[in-house]
C-alpha atoms as a PDB file:
ATOM      1  CA  UNK A   1     161.253 179.582  58.048  1.00  0.00           C
ATOM      2  CA  UNK A   2     158.378 180.233  55.738  1.00  0.00           C
ATOM      3  CA  UNK A   3     158.037 176.162  54.857  1.00  0.00           C
ATOM      4  CA  UNK A   4     157.685 175.644  58.626  1.00  0.00           C
ATOM      5  CA  UNK A   5     155.151 178.315  58.729  1.00  0.00           C
ATOM      6  CA  UNK A   6     153.239 176.929  55.886  1.00  0.00           C
ATOM      7  CA  UNK A   7     153.194 173.602  57.752  1.00  0.00           C
ATOM      8  CA  UNK A   8     152.118 175.250  60.990  1.00  0.00           C
ATOM      9  CA  UNK A   9     149.321 177.212  59.499  1.00  0.00           C
ATOM     10  CA  UNK A  10     148.115 174.047  57.195  1.00  0.00           C
ATOM     11  CA  UNK A  11     148.613 176.269  54.102  1.00  0.00           C
ATOM     12  CA  UNK A  12     150.227 175.781  50.393  1.00  0.00           C
ATOM     13  CA  UNK A  13     153.855 177.180  49.968  1.00  0.00           C
ATOM     14  CA  UNK A  14     152.372 179.225  47.397  1.00  0.00           C
ATOM     15  CA  UNK A  15     150.030 181.181  50.041  1.00  0.00           C
ATOM     16  CA  UNK A  16     153.139 182.130  51.684  1.00  0.00           C
ATOM     17  CA  UNK A  17     153.375 184.984  48.630  1.00  0.00           C
ATOM     18  CA  UNK A  18     150.203 186.382  50.798  1.00  0.00           C
ATOM     19  CA  UNK A  19     152.216 187.437  53.674  1.00  0.00           C
ATOM     20  CA  UNK A  20     154.488 189.481  51.935  1.00  0.00           C
ATOM     21  CA  UNK A  21     151.566 190.873  49.475  1.00  0.00           C
ATOM     22  CA  UNK A  22     149.558 191.884  52.593  1.00  0.00           C
ATOM     23  CA  UNK A  23     152.157 193.539  54.211  1.00  0.00           C
ATOM     24  CA  UNK A  24     153.398 195.490  51.068  1.00  0.00           C
ATOM     25  CA  UNK A  25     149.376 196.582  50.360  1.00  0.00           C
ATOM     26  CA  UNK A  26     149.739 198.321  53.901  1.00  0.00           C
ATOM     27  CA  UNK A  27     153.274 199.612  53.521  1.00  0.00           C
ATOM     28  CA  UNK A  28     152.212 201.437  50.258  1.00  0.00           C
ATOM     29  CA  UNK A  29     149.664 203.334  52.379  1.00  0.00           C
ATOM     30  CA  UNK A  30     151.810 203.608  55.613  1.00  0.00           C
ATOM     31  CA  UNK A  31     154.877 205.233  53.933  1.00  0.00           C
ATOM     32  CA  UNK A  32     153.299 208.346  52.425  1.00  0.00           C
ATOM     33  CA  UNK A  33     151.022 209.068  55.353  1.00  0.00           C
ATOM     34  CA  UNK A  34     153.757 208.114  57.932  1.00  0.00           C
ATOM     35  CA  UNK A  35     156.120 210.134  55.967  1.00  0.00           C
ATOM     36  CA  UNK A  36     154.217 213.413  55.825  1.00  0.00           C
ATOM     37  CA  UNK A  37     153.390 212.750  59.641  1.00  0.00           C
ATOM     38  CA  UNK A  38     157.018 212.874  60.132  1.00  0.00           C
ATOM     39  CA  UNK A  39     157.068 216.026  58.236  1.00  0.00           C
ATOM     40  CA  UNK A  40     154.328 217.712  60.597  1.00  0.00           C
ATOM     41  CA  UNK A  41     155.178 216.539  63.974  1.00  0.00           C
ATOM     42  CA  UNK A  42     159.120 215.466  63.695  1.00  0.00           C
ATOM     43  CA  UNK A  43     160.619 212.409  62.016  1.00  0.00           C
ATOM     44  CA  UNK A  44     162.112 211.100  65.396  1.00  0.00           C
ATOM     45  CA  UNK A  45     158.321 211.068  67.054  1.00  0.00           C
ATOM     46  CA  UNK A  46     156.680 209.256  64.296  1.00  0.00           C
ATOM     47  CA  UNK A  47     159.834 206.714  63.868  1.00  0.00           C
ATOM     48  CA  UNK A  48     159.139 205.738  67.411  1.00  0.00           C
ATOM     49  CA  UNK A  49     155.364 205.217  66.875  1.00  0.00           C
ATOM     50  CA  UNK A  50     156.113 203.166  64.175  1.00  0.00           C
ATOM     51  CA  UNK A  51     158.611 200.774  66.194  1.00  0.00           C
ATOM     52  CA  UNK A  52     155.876 200.551  69.119  1.00  0.00           C
ATOM     53  CA  UNK A  53     153.242 199.600  66.383  1.00  0.00           C
ATOM     54  CA  UNK A  54     155.883 197.168  64.620  1.00  0.00           C
ATOM     55  CA  UNK A  55     156.789 195.534  68.072  1.00  0.00           C
ATOM     56  CA  UNK A  56     153.143 194.716  68.785  1.00  0.00           C
ATOM     57  CA  UNK A  57     152.843 193.014  65.349  1.00  0.00           C
ATOM     58  CA  UNK A  58     155.901 191.215  65.794  1.00  0.00           C
ATOM     59  CA  UNK A  59     154.636 189.747  68.877  1.00  0.00           C
ATOM     60  CA  UNK A  60     151.005 188.817  67.122  1.00  0.00           C
ATOM     61  CA  UNK A  61     153.315 186.957  64.401  1.00  0.00           C
ATOM     62  CA  UNK A  62     154.737 184.523  67.193  1.00  0.00           C
ATOM     63  CA  UNK A  63     151.483 183.583  68.658  1.00  0.00           C
ATOM     64  CA  UNK A  64     149.090 183.872  65.979  1.00  0.00           C
ATOM     65  CA  UNK A  65     147.105 180.509  65.794  1.00  0.00           C
ATOM     66  CA  UNK A  66     145.395 180.930  62.480  1.00  0.00           C
ATOM     67  CA  UNK A  67     146.244 182.011  58.674  1.00  0.00           C
ATOM     68  CA  UNK A  68     143.939 185.135  58.835  1.00  0.00           C
ATOM     69  CA  UNK A  69     145.312 186.523  62.058  1.00  0.00           C
ATOM     70  CA  UNK A  70     149.016 185.415  61.113  1.00  0.00           C
ATOM     71  CA  UNK A  71     148.657 187.385  57.565  1.00  0.00           C
ATOM     72  CA  UNK A  72     146.927 190.276  59.633  1.00  0.00           C
ATOM     73  CA  UNK A  73     149.898 190.573  62.227  1.00  0.00           C
ATOM     74  CA  UNK A  74     152.502 189.978  59.432  1.00  0.00           C
ATOM     75  CA  UNK A  75     150.842 193.129  57.359  1.00  0.00           C
ATOM     76  CA  UNK A  76     150.922 195.431  60.437  1.00  0.00           C
ATOM     77  CA  UNK A  77     154.466 194.436  60.589  1.00  0.00           C
ATOM     78  CA  UNK A  78     154.601 196.596  57.602  1.00  0.00           C
ATOM     79  CA  UNK A  79     154.976 199.764  59.565  1.00  0.00           C
ATOM     80  CA  UNK A  80     158.668 199.137  59.438  1.00  0.00           C
ATOM     81  CA  UNK A  81     159.083 200.374  55.950  1.00  0.00           C
ATOM     82  CA  UNK A  82     158.955 203.870  57.277  1.00  0.00           C
ATOM     83  CA  UNK A  83     161.966 203.551  59.089  1.00  0.00           C
ATOM     84  CA  UNK A  84     164.491 203.688  56.253  1.00  0.00           C
ATOM     85  CA  UNK A  85     162.684 207.187  54.605  1.00  0.00           C
ATOM     86  CA  UNK A  86     162.614 208.486  58.536  1.00  0.00           C
ATOM     87  CA  UNK A  87     166.327 207.775  58.956  1.00  0.00           C
ATOM     88  CA  UNK A  88     167.242 209.431  55.677  1.00  0.00           C
ATOM     89  CA  UNK A  89     165.097 212.631  56.597  1.00  0.00           C
ATOM     90  CA  UNK A  90     166.735 212.887  59.924  1.00  0.00           C
ATOM     91  CA  UNK A  91     170.292 212.415  58.362  1.00  0.00           C
ATOM     92  CA  UNK A  92     169.345 215.140  55.552  1.00  0.00           C
ATOM     93  CA  UNK A  93     167.944 217.329  58.298  1.00  0.00           C
ATOM     94  CA  UNK A  94     171.222 217.283  60.415  1.00  0.00           C
ATOM     95  CA  UNK A  95     173.194 217.774  57.332  1.00  0.00           C
ATOM     96  CA  UNK A  96     171.281 220.530  55.571  1.00  0.00           C
ATOM     97  CA  UNK A  97     173.170 223.450  57.026  1.00  0.00           C
ATOM     98  CA  UNK A  98     176.668 221.754  56.012  1.00  0.00           C
ATOM     99  CA  UNK A  99     178.554 222.613  52.619  1.00  0.00           C
ATOM    100  CA  UNK A 100     178.964 219.007  52.025  1.00  0.00           C
ATOM    101  CA  UNK A 101     175.209 217.873  52.899  1.00  0.00           C
ATOM    102  CA  UNK A 102     174.630 215.816  49.623  1.00  0.00           C
ATOM    103  CA  UNK A 103     177.853 213.911  50.455  1.00  0.00           C
ATOM    104  CA  UNK A 104     176.972 213.297  53.856  1.00  0.00           C
ATOM    105  CA  UNK A 105     173.565 212.192  53.027  1.00  0.00           C
ATOM    106  CA  UNK A 106     174.560 209.757  50.792  1.00  0.00           C
ATOM    107  CA  UNK A 107     177.316 208.490  52.986  1.00  0.00           C
ATOM    108  CA  UNK A 108     174.360 208.480  56.006  1.00  0.00           C
ATOM    109  CA  UNK A 109     172.020 206.238  53.824  1.00  0.00           C
ATOM    110  CA  UNK A 110     174.740 203.935  53.053  1.00  0.00           C
ATOM    111  CA  UNK A 111     175.843 203.380  56.480  1.00  0.00           C
ATOM    112  CA  UNK A 112     172.254 202.774  57.510  1.00  0.00           C
ATOM    113  CA  UNK A 113     171.755 200.310  54.561  1.00  0.00           C
ATOM    114  CA  UNK A 114     175.261 198.360  55.733  1.00  0.00           C
ATOM    115  CA  UNK A 115     173.750 198.308  59.197  1.00  0.00           C
ATOM    116  CA  UNK A 116     170.323 197.088  57.948  1.00  0.00           C
ATOM    117  CA  UNK A 117     171.854 194.287  55.663  1.00  0.00           C
ATOM    118  CA  UNK A 118     174.248 193.408  58.449  1.00  0.00           C
ATOM    119  CA  UNK A 119     171.265 192.637  60.731  1.00  0.00           C
ATOM    120  CA  UNK A 120     169.615 190.590  57.831  1.00  0.00           C
ATOM    121  CA  UNK A 121     172.591 188.493  57.574  1.00  0.00           C
ATOM    122  CA  UNK A 122     172.386 187.681  61.292  1.00  0.00           C
ATOM    123  CA  UNK A 123     168.408 187.163  61.001  1.00  0.00           C
ATOM    124  CA  UNK A 124     168.764 184.866  58.147  1.00  0.00           C
ATOM    125  CA  UNK A 125     171.507 182.576  59.807  1.00  0.00           C
ATOM    126  CA  UNK A 126     169.785 182.888  63.368  1.00  0.00           C
ATOM    127  CA  UNK A 127     166.572 182.182  62.051  1.00  0.00           C
ATOM    128  CA  UNK A 128     167.516 178.958  60.225  1.00  0.00           C
ATOM    129  CA  UNK A 129     169.542 177.904  63.309  1.00  0.00           C
ATOM    130  CA  UNK A 130     166.784 178.872  65.775  1.00  0.00           C
ATOM    131  CA  UNK A 131     164.094 176.901  63.625  1.00  0.00           C
ATOM    132  CA  UNK A 132     165.896 173.977  64.088  1.00  0.00           C
ATOM    133  CA  UNK A 133     166.457 174.154  68.000  1.00  0.00           C
ATOM    134  CA  UNK A 134     163.488 176.025  69.142  1.00  0.00           C
ATOM    135  CA  UNK A 135     159.619 175.786  68.351  1.00  0.00           C
ATOM    136  CA  UNK A 136     158.365 177.718  65.680  1.00  0.00           C
ATOM    137  CA  UNK A 137     156.806 180.684  68.203  1.00  0.00           C
ATOM    138  CA  UNK A 138     159.964 180.689  70.243  1.00  0.00           C
ATOM    139  CA  UNK A 139     162.260 181.606  66.649  1.00  0.00           C
ATOM    140  CA  UNK A 140     159.348 184.054  65.670  1.00  0.00           C
ATOM    141  CA  UNK A 141     159.611 185.655  69.168  1.00  0.00           C
ATOM    142  CA  UNK A 142     163.172 186.817  68.508  1.00  0.00           C
ATOM    143  CA  UNK A 143     162.531 189.716  66.171  1.00  0.00           C
ATOM    144  CA  UNK A 144     159.911 191.045  68.370  1.00  0.00           C
ATOM    145  CA  UNK A 145     162.479 191.455  70.968  1.00  0.00           C
ATOM    146  CA  UNK A 146     164.808 193.265  68.563  1.00  0.00           C
ATOM    147  CA  UNK A 147     162.404 195.554  67.625  1.00  0.00           C
ATOM    148  CA  UNK A 148     162.126 196.471  71.591  1.00  0.00           C
ATOM    149  CA  UNK A 149     165.662 197.113  71.523  1.00  0.00           C
ATOM    150  CA  UNK A 150     165.545 199.024  68.247  1.00  0.00           C
ATOM    151  CA  UNK A 151     162.948 201.091  70.260  1.00  0.00           C
ATOM    152  CA  UNK A 152     164.801 201.541  73.451  1.00  0.00           C
ATOM    153  CA  UNK A 153     167.967 202.858  71.219  1.00  0.00           C
ATOM    154  CA  UNK A 154     165.950 205.559  69.267  1.00  0.00           C
ATOM    155  CA  UNK A 155     164.634 206.972  72.666  1.00  0.00           C
ATOM    156  CA  UNK A 156     167.946 207.006  74.513  1.00  0.00           C
ATOM    157  CA  UNK A 157     170.271 207.937  71.208  1.00  0.00           C
ATOM    158  CA  UNK A 158     168.648 209.394  68.268  1.00  0.00           C
ATOM    159  CA  UNK A 159     168.028 213.322  68.745  1.00  0.00           C
ATOM    160  CA  UNK A 160     165.129 215.340  67.835  1.00  0.00           C
ATOM    161  CA  UNK A 161     166.219 217.806  64.718  1.00  0.00           C
ATOM    162  CA  UNK A 162     163.372 220.150  65.631  1.00  0.00           C
ATOM    163  CA  UNK A 163     162.695 220.015  61.990  1.00  0.00           C
ATOM    164  CA  UNK A 164     158.748 220.664  61.097  1.00  0.00           C
ATOM    165  CA  UNK A 165     157.053 220.806  57.996  1.00  0.00           C
ATOM    166  CA  UNK A 166     153.719 222.156  58.978  1.00  0.00           C
ATOM    167  CA  UNK A 167     150.667 221.480  56.703  1.00  0.00           C
ATOM    168  CA  UNK A 168     147.838 218.833  56.811  1.00  0.00           C
ATOM    169  CA  UNK A 169     147.388 215.135  56.218  1.00  0.00           C
ATOM    170  CA  UNK A 170     145.296 214.651  52.994  1.00  0.00           C
ATOM    171  CA  UNK A 171     142.453 212.474  53.931  1.00  0.00           C
ATOM    172  CA  UNK A 172     140.727 212.355  50.811  1.00  0.00           C
ATOM    173  CA  UNK A 173     143.724 211.359  48.984  1.00  0.00           C
ATOM    174  CA  UNK A 174     144.454 208.578  51.740  1.00  0.00           C
ATOM    175  CA  UNK A 175     141.014 207.259  51.267  1.00  0.00           C
ATOM    176  CA  UNK A 176     141.130 206.807  47.407  1.00  0.00           C
ATOM    177  CA  UNK A 177     144.252 205.484  47.408  1.00  0.00           C
ATOM    178  CA  UNK A 178     143.425 202.711  50.244  1.00  0.00           C
ATOM    179  CA  UNK A 179     140.336 201.967  48.474  1.00  0.00           C
ATOM    180  CA  UNK A 180     142.143 201.814  44.916  1.00  0.00           C
ATOM    181  CA  UNK A 181     144.576 199.572  46.469  1.00  0.00           C
ATOM    182  CA  UNK A 182     142.330 197.200  48.510  1.00  0.00           C
ATOM    183  CA  UNK A 183     140.268 196.901  45.185  1.00  0.00           C
ATOM    184  CA  UNK A 184     143.113 195.538  43.231  1.00  0.00           C
ATOM    185  CA  UNK A 185     144.370 193.191  45.916  1.00  0.00           C
ATOM    186  CA  UNK A 186     140.658 191.940  46.406  1.00  0.00           C
ATOM    187  CA  UNK A 187     140.742 191.048  42.928  1.00  0.00           C
ATOM    188  CA  UNK A 188     143.761 189.324  42.849  1.00  0.00           C
ATOM    189  CA  UNK A 189     143.127 187.470  46.101  1.00  0.00           C
ATOM    190  CA  UNK A 190     140.006 185.747  43.860  1.00  0.00           C
ATOM    191  CA  UNK A 191     142.332 184.577  41.400  1.00  0.00           C
ATOM    192  CA  UNK A 192     143.205 182.066  44.374  1.00  0.00           C
ATOM    193  CA  UNK A 193     139.862 180.783  44.715  1.00  0.00           C
ATOM    194  CA  UNK A 194     138.152 181.006  41.186  1.00  0.00           C
ATOM    195  CA  UNK A 195     140.757 181.636  38.748  1.00  0.00           C
ATOM    196  CA  UNK A 196     140.680 184.926  36.424  1.00  0.00           C
ATOM    197  CA  UNK A 197     136.866 185.860  35.952  1.00  0.00           C
ATOM    198  CA  UNK A 198     134.668 189.032  35.330  1.00  0.00           C
ATOM    199  CA  UNK A 199     134.728 189.827  38.907  1.00  0.00           C
ATOM    200  CA  UNK A 200     138.594 189.704  39.239  1.00  0.00           C
ATOM    201  CA  UNK A 201     139.047 191.971  35.961  1.00  0.00           C
ATOM    202  CA  UNK A 202     136.528 194.438  37.170  1.00  0.00           C
ATOM    203  CA  UNK A 203     137.811 194.879  40.780  1.00  0.00           C
ATOM    204  CA  UNK A 204     141.182 195.242  39.247  1.00  0.00           C
ATOM    205  CA  UNK A 205     139.989 197.536  36.939  1.00  0.00           C
ATOM    206  CA  UNK A 206     138.246 199.533  39.525  1.00  0.00           C
ATOM    207  CA  UNK A 207     141.518 199.951  41.549  1.00  0.00           C
ATOM    208  CA  UNK A 208     143.048 201.278  38.594  1.00  0.00           C
ATOM    209  CA  UNK A 209     140.781 203.881  37.627  1.00  0.00           C
ATOM    210  CA  UNK A 210     140.622 204.980  41.421  1.00  0.00           C
ATOM    211  CA  UNK A 211     144.525 205.289  41.050  1.00  0.00           C
ATOM    212  CA  UNK A 212     143.751 207.837  38.006  1.00  0.00           C
ATOM    213  CA  UNK A 213     141.131 209.625  40.178  1.00  0.00           C
ATOM    214  CA  UNK A 214     143.842 209.969  43.043  1.00  0.00           C
ATOM    215  CA  UNK A 215     146.439 211.463  40.752  1.00  0.00           C
ATOM    216  CA  UNK A 216     143.622 214.005  39.733  1.00  0.00           C
ATOM    217  CA  UNK A 217     142.967 214.636  43.465  1.00  0.00           C
ATOM    218  CA  UNK A 218     146.440 215.044  44.383  1.00  0.00           C
ATOM    219  CA  UNK A 219     146.962 217.744  41.827  1.00  0.00           C
ATOM    220  CA  UNK A 220     144.464 219.861  43.596  1.00  0.00           C
ATOM    221  CA  UNK A 221     145.204 219.752  47.103  1.00  0.00           C
ATOM    222  CA  UNK A 222     147.227 221.853  48.942  1.00  0.00           C
ATOM    223  CA  UNK A 223     149.056 219.488  51.069  1.00  0.00           C
ATOM    224  CA  UNK A 224     148.852 216.638  48.826  1.00  0.00           C
ATOM    225  CA  UNK A 225     149.790 212.878  50.126  1.00  0.00           C
ATOM    226  CA  UNK A 226     152.118 212.669  47.106  1.00  0.00           C
ATOM    227  CA  UNK A 227     153.301 215.597  45.391  1.00  0.00           C
ATOM    228  CA  UNK A 228     152.580 214.848  41.837  1.00  0.00           C
ATOM    229  CA  UNK A 229     154.189 217.868  40.477  1.00  0.00           C
ATOM    230  CA  UNK A 230     157.394 216.816  42.400  1.00  0.00           C
ATOM    231  CA  UNK A 231     157.119 213.277  40.821  1.00  0.00           C
ATOM    232  CA  UNK A 232     157.000 214.292  37.297  1.00  0.00           C
ATOM    233  CA  UNK A 233     160.155 216.439  37.834  1.00  0.00           C
ATOM    234  CA  UNK A 234     162.972 214.860  35.283  1.00  0.00           C
ATOM    235  CA  UNK A 235     165.286 214.422  38.057  1.00  0.00           C
ATOM    236  CA  UNK A 236     163.208 212.517  40.297  1.00  0.00           C
ATOM    237  CA  UNK A 237     160.528 210.175  38.167  1.00  0.00           C
ATOM    238  CA  UNK A 238     163.485 207.967  36.857  1.00  0.00           C
ATOM    239  CA  UNK A 239     164.288 207.507  40.432  1.00  0.00           C
ATOM    240  CA  UNK A 240     160.734 206.701  41.385  1.00  0.00           C
ATOM    241  CA  UNK A 241     160.164 204.074  38.105  1.00  0.00           C
ATOM    242  CA  UNK A 242     163.494 202.396  39.141  1.00  0.00           C
ATOM    243  CA  UNK A 243     162.509 201.880  42.623  1.00  0.00           C
ATOM    244  CA  UNK A 244     158.784 200.485  41.764  1.00  0.00           C
ATOM    245  CA  UNK A 245     160.763 197.877  39.274  1.00  0.00           C
ATOM    246  CA  UNK A 246     163.386 197.103  41.524  1.00  0.00           C
ATOM    247  CA  UNK A 247     160.740 196.485  44.508  1.00  0.00           C
ATOM    248  CA  UNK A 248     159.512 193.330  42.182  1.00  0.00           C
ATOM    249  CA  UNK A 249     162.997 191.587  42.719  1.00  0.00           C
ATOM    250  CA  UNK A 250     164.162 192.778  45.886  1.00  0.00           C
ATOM    251  CA  UNK A 251     160.819 192.237  47.880  1.00  0.00           C
ATOM    252  CA  UNK A 252     158.912 189.922  45.452  1.00  0.00           C
ATOM    253  CA  UNK A 253     161.727 187.203  45.249  1.00  0.00           C
ATOM    254  CA  UNK A 254     162.418 186.625  49.121  1.00  0.00           C
ATOM    255  CA  UNK A 255     159.331 184.102  49.758  1.00  0.00           C
ATOM    256  CA  UNK A 256     159.663 182.257  46.363  1.00  0.00           C
ATOM    257  CA  UNK A 257     163.518 181.803  47.072  1.00  0.00           C
ATOM    258  CA  UNK A 258     163.082 180.474  50.459  1.00  0.00           C
ATOM    259  CA  UNK A 259     160.500 177.916  49.601  1.00  0.00           C
ATOM    260  CA  UNK A 260     162.457 176.908  46.542  1.00  0.00           C
ATOM    261  CA  UNK A 261     165.446 175.989  48.675  1.00  0.00           C
ATOM    262  CA  UNK A 262     163.227 174.024  51.026  1.00  0.00           C
ATOM    263  CA  UNK A 263     161.063 172.324  48.574  1.00  0.00           C
ATOM    264  CA  UNK A 264     161.945 168.324  47.922  1.00  0.00           C
ATOM    265  CA  UNK A 265     162.883 167.958  44.400  1.00  0.00           C
ATOM    266  CA  UNK A 266     162.374 164.318  44.850  1.00  0.00           C
ATOM    267  CA  UNK A 267     158.301 165.026  45.173  1.00  0.00           C
ATOM    268  CA  UNK A 268     157.956 167.653  42.379  1.00  0.00           C
ATOM    269  CA  UNK A 269     160.907 167.856  40.404  1.00  0.00           C
ATOM    270  CA  UNK A 270     162.297 171.074  41.456  1.00  0.00           C
ATOM    271  CA  UNK A 271     163.878 172.545  44.598  1.00  0.00           C
ATOM    272  CA  UNK A 272     167.050 172.048  46.637  1.00  0.00           C
ATOM    273  CA  UNK A 273     165.560 170.157  49.523  1.00  0.00           C
ATOM    274  CA  UNK A 274     167.486 171.994  52.344  1.00  0.00           C
ATOM    275  CA  UNK A 275     166.642 172.171  55.825  1.00  0.00           C
ATOM    276  CA  UNK A 276     165.624 175.776  57.772  1.00  0.00           C
ATOM    277  CA  UNK A 277     169.184 175.473  58.985  1.00  0.00           C
ATOM    278  CA  UNK A 278     171.275 174.883  55.565  1.00  0.00           C
ATOM    279  CA  UNK A 279     168.540 177.095  53.680  1.00  0.00           C
ATOM    280  CA  UNK A 280     169.608 180.054  55.793  1.00  0.00           C
ATOM    281  CA  UNK A 281     173.264 179.486  54.374  1.00  0.00           C
ATOM    282  CA  UNK A 282     171.949 180.633  50.784  1.00  0.00           C
ATOM    283  CA  UNK A 283     169.657 183.364  52.440  1.00  0.00           C
ATOM    284  CA  UNK A 284     172.832 184.544  54.413  1.00  0.00           C
ATOM    285  CA  UNK A 285     175.082 184.638  51.451  1.00  0.00           C
ATOM    286  CA  UNK A 286     172.555 186.547  49.610  1.00  0.00           C
ATOM    287  CA  UNK A 287     172.648 189.255  52.061  1.00  0.00           C
ATOM    288  CA  UNK A 288     176.090 189.251  52.360  1.00  0.00           C
ATOM    289  CA  UNK A 289     176.195 190.475  49.101  1.00  0.00           C
ATOM    290  CA  UNK A 290     173.757 193.169  49.790  1.00  0.00           C
ATOM    291  CA  UNK A 291     175.712 194.374  52.222  1.00  0.00           C
ATOM    292  CA  UNK A 292     178.813 194.487  50.060  1.00  0.00           C
ATOM    293  CA  UNK A 293     176.763 196.078  47.538  1.00  0.00           C
ATOM    294  CA  UNK A 294     175.621 198.820  49.883  1.00  0.00           C
ATOM    295  CA  UNK A 295     178.965 199.232  51.203  1.00  0.00           C
ATOM    296  CA  UNK A 296     180.714 200.099  47.986  1.00  0.00           C
ATOM    297  CA  UNK A 297     178.013 202.319  46.711  1.00  0.00           C
ATOM    298  CA  UNK A 298     179.153 205.539  48.460  1.00  0.00           C
ATOM    299  CA  UNK A 299     182.867 204.789  47.521  1.00  0.00           C
ATOM    300  CA  UNK A 300     181.582 204.056  43.722  1.00  0.00           C
ATOM    301  CA  UNK A 301     179.410 206.779  43.415  1.00  0.00           C
ATOM    302  CA  UNK A 302     182.175 209.511  44.452  1.00  0.00           C
ATOM    303  CA  UNK A 303     184.265 208.238  41.654  1.00  0.00           C
ATOM    304  CA  UNK A 304     181.779 208.137  39.106  1.00  0.00           C
ATOM    305  CA  UNK A 305     178.319 209.407  39.314  1.00  0.00           C
ATOM    306  CA  UNK A 306     175.100 208.175  40.928  1.00  0.00           C
ATOM    307  CA  UNK A 307     173.192 207.691  37.897  1.00  0.00           C
ATOM    308  CA  UNK A 308     176.266 205.510  36.643  1.00  0.00           C
ATOM    309  CA  UNK A 309     176.059 203.321  39.730  1.00  0.00           C
ATOM    310  CA  UNK A 310     171.987 202.999  39.338  1.00  0.00           C
ATOM    311  CA  UNK A 311     172.773 201.464  35.673  1.00  0.00           C
ATOM    312  CA  UNK A 312     175.438 199.335  36.771  1.00  0.00           C
ATOM    313  CA  UNK A 313     173.860 197.947  39.504  1.00  0.00           C
ATOM    314  CA  UNK A 314     170.612 197.427  37.925  1.00  0.00           C
ATOM    315  CA  UNK A 315     172.376 195.607  35.473  1.00  0.00           C
ATOM    316  CA  UNK A 316     173.753 193.369  37.809  1.00  0.00           C
ATOM    317  CA  UNK A 317     170.361 192.554  39.369  1.00  0.00           C
ATOM    318  CA  UNK A 318     168.980 191.525  35.685  1.00  0.00           C
ATOM    319  CA  UNK A 319     172.179 189.208  35.638  1.00  0.00           C
ATOM    320  CA  UNK A 320     171.760 187.670  38.498  1.00  0.00           C
ATOM    321  CA  UNK A 321     168.021 186.731  38.636  1.00  0.00           C
ATOM    322  CA  UNK A 322     168.476 186.082  34.454  1.00  0.00           C
ATOM    323  CA  UNK A 323     171.188 183.308  35.370  1.00  0.00           C
ATOM    324  CA  UNK A 324     168.781 181.495  37.552  1.00  0.00           C
ATOM    325  CA  UNK A 325     166.482 180.770  34.424  1.00  0.00           C
ATOM    326  CA  UNK A 326     168.903 178.273  33.191  1.00  0.00           C
ATOM    327  CA  UNK A 327     170.967 177.526  36.255  1.00  0.00           C
ATOM    328  CA  UNK A 328     168.966 176.329  39.141  1.00  0.00           C
ATOM    329  CA  UNK A 329     169.994 172.764  39.568  1.00  0.00           C
ATOM    330  CA  UNK A 330     172.218 172.799  42.699  1.00  0.00           C
ATOM    331  CA  UNK A 331     173.376 174.934  45.493  1.00  0.00           C
ATOM    332  CA  UNK A 332     176.306 176.682  43.716  1.00  0.00           C
ATOM    333  CA  UNK A 333     174.316 177.891  40.748  1.00  0.00           C
ATOM    334  CA  UNK A 334     171.517 179.527  43.029  1.00  0.00           C
ATOM    335  CA  UNK A 335     173.990 181.075  45.605  1.00  0.00           C
ATOM    336  CA  UNK A 336     176.160 182.413  42.121  1.00  0.00           C
ATOM    337  CA  UNK A 337     173.111 184.043  40.923  1.00  0.00           C
ATOM    338  CA  UNK A 338     171.568 185.453  44.239  1.00  0.00           C
ATOM    339  CA  UNK A 339     175.104 186.831  44.903  1.00  0.00           C
ATOM    340  CA  UNK A 340     175.308 188.379  41.395  1.00  0.00           C
ATOM    341  CA  UNK A 341     171.868 190.061  42.218  1.00  0.00           C
ATOM    342  CA  UNK A 342     172.392 191.104  45.535  1.00  0.00           C
ATOM    343  CA  UNK A 343     175.762 192.996  44.844  1.00  0.00           C
ATOM    344  CA  UNK A 344     173.373 195.178  42.806  1.00  0.00           C
ATOM    345  CA  UNK A 345     170.606 195.032  45.258  1.00  0.00           C
ATOM    346  CA  UNK A 346     172.710 196.203  47.956  1.00  0.00           C
ATOM    347  CA  UNK A 347     173.720 199.261  45.899  1.00  0.00           C
ATOM    348  CA  UNK A 348     170.359 200.195  44.791  1.00  0.00           C
ATOM    349  CA  UNK A 349     168.903 199.691  48.231  1.00  0.00           C
ATOM    350  CA  UNK A 350     171.708 202.236  49.275  1.00  0.00           C
ATOM    351  CA  UNK A 351     171.303 204.812  46.062  1.00  0.00           C
ATOM    352  CA  UNK A 352     167.616 205.025  45.355  1.00  0.00           C
ATOM    353  CA  UNK A 353     167.052 206.674  48.811  1.00  0.00           C
ATOM    354  CA  UNK A 354     169.964 209.025  48.640  1.00  0.00           C
ATOM    355  CA  UNK A 355     169.501 210.061  45.021  1.00  0.00           C
ATOM    356  CA  UNK A 356     165.764 210.633  45.976  1.00  0.00           C
ATOM    357  CA  UNK A 357     166.879 212.856  48.996  1.00  0.00           C
END
């Protein structure tokens, strides 16, 4: 629906990237803060709070009349990114007393990701069809309703583990991280207006410098927002780096893939010229491959090692996206590349949280 949203708001297709950029900016701040609050006050309680915030933001997306309001509401939907780590934390807390806790955590994380991708397949297919049948606000209202259903499920069916970590919120670290990310994002946003200028370079450099300050501050705080000593451990930093690099493809490619599929090649020389309904089949095939990749992760990792799974899955992602560079002229070529990338992405989405836990 990204192309339809762009036409509704009167913006260029390239500006669709700001939806994800703004949401990911908020997410990068929200995840450590909400995860820390989950440790302090209970993961279930914070999961419920994030569901309520996401439901309200989703309602805002459906009825936003202008680009700035839409981007703001879309960004606030970013509270959903904490659901996966909170769910994994709940599983880990419930399994930690069992002798096979690591295997149970991997299996639970894999099951959650399978459910996540199954929902994404349904959403991709239904979104395209509803976009052709309903007014845009009606199609965008469906996710808000489903988040409210998810809230009801958690309230009635997810138990509180009773695990509390104590500690405090690192307000100084949170403030520095927020300003640093806003400076970087603000600088990059100016590229859209004036190109690469001294202001752009200056703001990005200020943001990077503040990130360095953030690291130094976190090393001297009793209850840091991000535990830098933990991140430097040889067992964890490769997982974090892999997650960061993988995030570029699994999150950054959604907007370009959708708008490429919807772009008319007779007008600009590239694209597939699909409608929202037919484009949903490409998205659906991609997400189906994610589902398969996530589903086989636990089985394959039990036969080999999680490390080998991470290496193999990363290779598939690289192969799939690399193939799109020369082969993107037909639906079959694009689907083939996205399916290969999706198999690896699904395994990584399941493997990385489990490996970190």
